[in-house]
Amino acid sequence: MRILATSGLMVGAMIGMTGCVQLTAPDKPIVINLNINIKQEVVYRLDGDAKDLINEEADIF
């Protein structure tokens, strides 16, 4: 009986502490300014044997 009374008291206290959440749409549109610079560097290294093979068989490339 004591557990029931305690849990009832806790539930009552928790109901009293609940808040109110309101969601409203903004009056003005949302503006997002994006200034993005993208720089890409491609670095490649070719093995000596592969480089020689490409030079020998240049007509297939």
PDB file of N, CA and C in Angstrom:
ATOM      1  N   MET A   1       0.823  -1.185   0.000  1.00  0.00           N
ATOM      2  CA  MET A   1       0.000   0.000   0.000  1.00  0.00           C
ATOM      3  C   MET A   1       0.870   1.253   0.000  1.00  0.00           C
ATOM      4  N   ARG A   2       1.970   1.153   0.713  1.00  0.00           N
ATOM      5  CA  ARG A   2       2.885   2.293   0.799  1.00  0.00           C
ATOM      6  C   ARG A   2       3.502   2.594  -0.568  1.00  0.00           C
ATOM      7  N   ILE A   3       3.844   1.544  -1.333  1.00  0.00           N
ATOM      8  CA  ILE A   3       4.426   1.710  -2.667  1.00  0.00           C
ATOM      9  C   ILE A   3       3.409   2.365  -3.597  1.00  0.00           C
ATOM     10  N   LEU A   4       2.157   1.970  -3.490  1.00  0.00           N
ATOM     11  CA  LEU A   4       1.102   2.533  -4.326  1.00  0.00           C
ATOM     12  C   LEU A   4       0.906   4.021  -4.033  1.00  0.00           C
ATOM     13  N   ALA A   5       0.932   4.388  -2.781  1.00  0.00           N
ATOM     14  CA  ALA A   5       0.764   5.792  -2.403  1.00  0.00           C
ATOM     15  C   ALA A   5       1.958   6.620  -2.867  1.00  0.00           C
ATOM     16  N   THR A   6       3.151   6.073  -2.724  1.00  0.00           N
ATOM     17  CA  THR A   6       4.356   6.783  -3.152  1.00  0.00           C
ATOM     18  C   THR A   6       4.369   6.964  -4.662  1.00  0.00           C
ATOM     19  N   SER A   7       4.025   5.917  -5.389  1.00  0.00           N
ATOM     20  CA  SER A   7       4.027   6.030  -6.848  1.00  0.00           C
ATOM     21  C   SER A   7       2.936   6.991  -7.314  1.00  0.00           C
ATOM     22  N   GLY A   8       1.787   7.007  -6.667  1.00  0.00           N
ATOM     23  CA  GLY A   8       0.722   7.956  -7.007  1.00  0.00           C
ATOM     24  C   GLY A   8       1.157   9.383  -6.757  1.00  0.00           C
ATOM     25  N   LEU A   9       1.856   9.616  -5.670  1.00  0.00           N
ATOM     26  CA  LEU A   9       2.365  10.947  -5.354  1.00  0.00           C
ATOM     27  C   LEU A   9       3.398  11.393  -6.378  1.00  0.00           C
ATOM     28  N   MET A  10       4.265  10.480  -6.803  1.00  0.00           N
ATOM     29  CA  MET A  10       5.294  10.817  -7.794  1.00  0.00           C
ATOM     30  C   MET A  10       4.669  11.113  -9.154  1.00  0.00           C
ATOM     31  N   VAL A  11       3.663  10.341  -9.548  1.00  0.00           N
ATOM     32  CA  VAL A  11       2.979  10.586 -10.821  1.00  0.00           C
ATOM     33  C   VAL A  11       2.293  11.945 -10.787  1.00  0.00           C
ATOM     34  N   GLY A  12       1.661  12.270  -9.686  1.00  0.00           N
ATOM     35  CA  GLY A  12       1.008  13.580  -9.548  1.00  0.00           C
ATOM     36  C   GLY A  12       2.007  14.719  -9.632  1.00  0.00           C
ATOM     37  N   ALA A  13       3.172  14.555  -9.032  1.00  0.00           N
ATOM     38  CA  ALA A  13       4.206  15.588  -9.083  1.00  0.00           C
ATOM     39  C   ALA A  13       4.762  15.730 -10.490  1.00  0.00           C
ATOM     40  N   MET A  14       4.904  14.612 -11.190  1.00  0.00           N
ATOM     41  CA  MET A  14       5.443  14.663 -12.549  1.00  0.00           C
ATOM     42  C   MET A  14       4.454  15.323 -13.507  1.00  0.00           C
ATOM     43  N   ILE A  15       3.172  15.112 -13.303  1.00  0.00           N
ATOM     44  CA  ILE A  15       2.171  15.758 -14.158  1.00  0.00           C
ATOM     45  C   ILE A  15       2.218  17.269 -13.960  1.00  0.00           C
ATOM     46  N   GLY A  16       2.437  17.707 -12.761  1.00  0.00           N
ATOM     47  CA  GLY A  16       2.527  19.139 -12.481  1.00  0.00           C
ATOM     48  C   GLY A  16       3.770  19.787 -13.062  1.00  0.00           C
ATOM     49  N   MET A  17       4.802  19.014 -13.343  1.00  0.00           N
ATOM     50  CA  MET A  17       6.055  19.581 -13.852  1.00  0.00           C
ATOM     51  C   MET A  17       6.155  19.547 -15.370  1.00  0.00           C
ATOM     52  N   THR A  18       5.157  19.040 -16.056  1.00  0.00           N
ATOM     53  CA  THR A  18       5.247  18.981 -17.512  1.00  0.00           C
ATOM     54  C   THR A  18       5.179  20.386 -18.082  1.00  0.00           C
ATOM     55  N   GLY A  19       5.936  20.614 -19.143  1.00  0.00           N
ATOM     56  CA  GLY A  19       5.968  21.926 -19.771  1.00  0.00           C
ATOM     57  C   GLY A  19       5.152  21.936 -21.045  1.00  0.00           C
ATOM     58  N   CYS A  20       5.077  23.101 -21.630  1.00  0.00           N
ATOM     59  CA  CYS A  20       4.333  23.265 -22.870  1.00  0.00           C
ATOM     60  C   CYS A  20       5.328  23.623 -23.969  1.00  0.00           C
ATOM     61  N   VAL A  21       5.297  22.899 -25.059  1.00  0.00           N
ATOM     62  CA  VAL A  21       6.197  23.149 -26.182  1.00  0.00           C
ATOM     63  C   VAL A  21       5.359  23.623 -27.351  1.00  0.00           C
ATOM     64  N   GLN A  22       5.747  24.773 -27.908  1.00  0.00           N
ATOM     65  CA  GLN A  22       5.019  25.310 -29.056  1.00  0.00           C
ATOM     66  C   GLN A  22       5.958  25.413 -30.241  1.00  0.00           C
ATOM     67  N   LEU A  23       5.480  24.970 -31.389  1.00  0.00           N
ATOM     68  CA  LEU A  23       6.239  25.082 -32.625  1.00  0.00           C
ATOM     69  C   LEU A  23       5.502  26.030 -33.551  1.00  0.00           C
ATOM     70  N   THR A  24       6.195  27.087 -33.981  1.00  0.00           N
ATOM     71  CA  THR A  24       5.587  28.036 -34.909  1.00  0.00           C
ATOM     72  C   THR A  24       6.532  28.253 -36.078  1.00  0.00           C
ATOM     73  N   ALA A  25       5.954  28.500 -37.240  1.00  0.00           N
ATOM     74  CA  ALA A  25       6.760  28.768 -38.433  1.00  0.00           C
ATOM     75  C   ALA A  25       7.287  30.198 -38.363  1.00  0.00           C
ATOM     76  N   PRO A  26       8.508  30.445 -38.855  1.00  0.00           N
ATOM     77  CA  PRO A  26       9.044  31.805 -38.827  1.00  0.00           C
ATOM     78  C   PRO A  26       8.297  32.711 -39.804  1.00  0.00           C
ATOM     79  N   ASP A  27       8.279  34.007 -39.496  1.00  0.00           N
ATOM     80  CA  ASP A  27       7.612  34.983 -40.358  1.00  0.00           C
ATOM     81  C   ASP A  27       8.382  35.208 -41.646  1.00  0.00           C
ATOM     82  N   LYS A  28       9.699  35.213 -41.556  1.00  0.00           N
ATOM     83  CA  LYS A  28      10.552  35.465 -42.719  1.00  0.00           C
ATOM     84  C   LYS A  28      11.154  34.142 -43.191  1.00  0.00           C
ATOM     85  N   PRO A  29      11.460  34.039 -44.483  1.00  0.00           N
ATOM     86  CA  PRO A  29      12.095  32.804 -44.956  1.00  0.00           C
ATOM     87  C   PRO A  29      13.506  32.657 -44.396  1.00  0.00           C
ATOM     88  N   ILE A  30      13.937  31.449 -44.282  1.00  0.00           N
ATOM     89  CA  ILE A  30      15.282  31.157 -43.795  1.00  0.00           C
ATOM     90  C   ILE A  30      16.259  31.350 -44.944  1.00  0.00           C
ATOM     91  N   VAL A  31      17.288  32.157 -44.719  1.00  0.00           N
ATOM     92  CA  VAL A  31      18.291  32.445 -45.745  1.00  0.00           C
ATOM     93  C   VAL A  31      19.604  31.818 -45.309  1.00  0.00           C
ATOM     94  N   ILE A  32      20.191  31.034 -46.197  1.00  0.00           N
ATOM     95  CA  ILE A  32      21.478  30.401 -45.917  1.00  0.00           C
ATOM     96  C   ILE A  32      22.462  30.872 -46.973  1.00  0.00           C
ATOM     97  N   ASN A  33      23.489  31.581 -46.550  1.00  0.00           N
ATOM     98  CA  ASN A  33      24.530  32.042 -47.465  1.00  0.00           C
ATOM     99  C   ASN A  33      25.689  31.056 -47.414  1.00  0.00           C
ATOM    100  N   LEU A  34      26.017  30.504 -48.568  1.00  0.00           N
ATOM    101  CA  LEU A  34      27.114  29.551 -48.638  1.00  0.00           C
ATOM    102  C   LEU A  34      28.197  30.103 -49.551  1.00  0.00           C
ATOM    103  N   ASN A  35      29.339  30.326 -49.009  1.00  0.00           N
ATOM    104  CA  ASN A  35      30.510  30.696 -49.794  1.00  0.00           C
ATOM    105  C   ASN A  35      31.497  29.550 -49.659  1.00  0.00           C
ATOM    106  N   ILE A  36      31.544  28.730 -50.689  1.00  0.00           N
ATOM    107  CA  ILE A  36      32.364  27.525 -50.621  1.00  0.00           C
ATOM    108  C   ILE A  36      33.377  27.552 -51.749  1.00  0.00           C
ATOM    109  N   ASN A  37      34.619  27.367 -51.398  1.00  0.00           N
ATOM    110  CA  ASN A  37      35.682  27.215 -52.386  1.00  0.00           C
ATOM    111  C   ASN A  37      36.193  25.786 -52.297  1.00  0.00           C
ATOM    112  N   ILE A  38      36.182  25.116 -53.424  1.00  0.00           N
ATOM    113  CA  ILE A  38      36.652  23.734 -53.457  1.00  0.00           C
ATOM    114  C   ILE A  38      37.902  23.684 -54.311  1.00  0.00           C
ATOM    115  N   LYS A  39      38.968  23.201 -53.728  1.00  0.00           N
ATOM    116  CA  LYS A  39      40.229  23.058 -54.445  1.00  0.00           C
ATOM    117  C   LYS A  39      40.608  21.587 -54.388  1.00  0.00           C
ATOM    118  N   GLN A  40      40.915  21.065 -55.532  1.00  0.00           N
ATOM    119  CA  GLN A  40      41.251  19.650 -55.588  1.00  0.00           C
ATOM    120  C   GLN A  40      42.607  19.499 -56.239  1.00  0.00           C
ATOM    121  N   GLU A  41      43.421  18.705 -55.623  1.00  0.00           N
ATOM    122  CA  GLU A  41      44.725  18.383 -56.183  1.00  0.00           C
ATOM    123  C   GLU A  41      44.793  16.879 -56.380  1.00  0.00           C
ATOM    124  N   VAL A  42      45.220  16.491 -57.547  1.00  0.00           N
ATOM    125  CA  VAL A  42      45.382  15.075 -57.835  1.00  0.00           C
ATOM    126  C   VAL A  42      46.876  14.818 -57.988  1.00  0.00           C
ATOM    127  N   VAL A  43      47.383  13.996 -57.139  1.00  0.00           N
ATOM    128  CA  VAL A  43      48.801  13.661 -57.162  1.00  0.00           C
ATOM    129  C   VAL A  43      48.910  12.180 -57.513  1.00  0.00           C
ATOM    130  N   TYR A  44      49.691  11.901 -58.524  1.00  0.00           N
ATOM    131  CA  TYR A  44      49.871  10.500 -58.885  1.00  0.00           C
ATOM    132  C   TYR A  44      51.349  10.210 -59.058  1.00  0.00           C
ATOM    133  N   ARG A  45      51.674   8.991 -58.819  1.00  0.00           N
ATOM    134  CA  ARG A  45      53.043   8.535 -58.963  1.00  0.00           C
ATOM    135  C   ARG A  45      52.981   7.228 -59.734  1.00  0.00           C
ATOM    136  N   LEU A  46      53.828   7.120 -60.704  1.00  0.00           N
ATOM    137  CA  LEU A  46      53.811   5.946 -61.556  1.00  0.00           C
ATOM    138  C   LEU A  46      55.100   5.167 -61.345  1.00  0.00           C
ATOM    139  N   ASP A  47      54.964   3.898 -61.160  1.00  0.00           N
ATOM    140  CA  ASP A  47      56.114   3.030 -60.978  1.00  0.00           C
ATOM    141  C   ASP A  47      56.977   3.061 -62.237  1.00  0.00           C
ATOM    142  N   GLY A  48      58.264   2.945 -62.074  1.00  0.00           N
ATOM    143  CA  GLY A  48      59.199   3.004 -63.201  1.00  0.00           C
ATOM    144  C   GLY A  48      58.907   1.977 -64.276  1.00  0.00           C
ATOM    145  N   ASP A  49      58.604   0.735 -63.895  1.00  0.00           N
ATOM    146  CA  ASP A  49      58.299  -0.313 -64.872  1.00  0.00           C
ATOM    147  C   ASP A  49      57.019   0.017 -65.644  1.00  0.00           C
ATOM    148  N   ALA A  50      56.027   0.512 -64.945  1.00  0.00           N
ATOM    149  CA  ALA A  50      54.777   0.864 -65.616  1.00  0.00           C
ATOM    150  C   ALA A  50      54.991   2.033 -66.565  1.00  0.00           C
ATOM    151  N   LYS A  51      55.800   2.985 -66.165  1.00  0.00           N
ATOM    152  CA  LYS A  51      56.091   4.137 -67.018  1.00  0.00           C
ATOM    153  C   LYS A  51      56.809   3.689 -68.288  1.00  0.00           C
ATOM    154  N   ASP A  52      57.768   2.799 -68.140  1.00  0.00           N
ATOM    155  CA  ASP A  52      58.482   2.279 -69.313  1.00  0.00           C
ATOM    156  C   ASP A  52      57.530   1.530 -70.245  1.00  0.00           C
ATOM    157  N   LEU A  53      56.630   0.742 -69.675  1.00  0.00           N
ATOM    158  CA  LEU A  53      55.671  -0.003 -70.477  1.00  0.00           C
ATOM    159  C   LEU A  53      54.743   0.941 -71.245  1.00  0.00           C
ATOM    160  N   ILE A  54      54.313   1.997 -70.609  1.00  0.00           N
ATOM    161  CA  ILE A  54      53.450   2.973 -71.287  1.00  0.00           C
ATOM    162  C   ILE A  54      54.201   3.650 -72.421  1.00  0.00           C
ATOM    163  N   ASN A  55      55.457   3.983 -72.194  1.00  0.00           N
ATOM    164  CA  ASN A  55      56.251   4.616 -73.248  1.00  0.00           C
ATOM    165  C   ASN A  55      56.485   3.658 -74.419  1.00  0.00           C
ATOM    166  N   GLU A  56      56.680   2.377 -74.134  1.00  0.00           N
ATOM    167  CA  GLU A  56      56.896   1.397 -75.199  1.00  0.00           C
ATOM    168  C   GLU A  56      55.618   1.143 -76.000  1.00  0.00           C
ATOM    169  N   GLU A  57      54.490   1.126 -75.327  1.00  0.00           N
ATOM    170  CA  GLU A  57      53.210   0.823 -75.973  1.00  0.00           C
ATOM    171  C   GLU A  57      52.346   2.082 -76.070  1.00  0.00           C
ATOM    172  N   ALA A  58      52.930   3.193 -76.456  1.00  0.00           N
ATOM    173  CA  ALA A  58      52.211   4.471 -76.489  1.00  0.00           C
ATOM    174  C   ALA A  58      51.048   4.464 -77.472  1.00  0.00           C
ATOM    175  N   ASP A  59      51.110   3.638 -78.500  1.00  0.00           N
ATOM    176  CA  ASP A  59      50.055   3.640 -79.514  1.00  0.00           C
ATOM    177  C   ASP A  59      48.727   3.065 -79.006  1.00  0.00           C
ATOM    178  N   ILE A  60      48.742   2.273 -77.933  1.00  0.00           N
ATOM    179  CA  ILE A  60      47.480   1.735 -77.424  1.00  0.00           C
ATOM    180  C   ILE A  60      46.793   2.716 -76.475  1.00  0.00           C
ATOM    181  N   PHE A  61      47.485   3.751 -76.091  1.00  0.00           N
ATOM    182  CA  PHE A  61      46.878   4.746 -75.206  1.00  0.00           C
ATOM    183  C   PHE A  61      46.443   5.904 -76.033  1.00  0.00           C
TER     184      PHE A  61
END
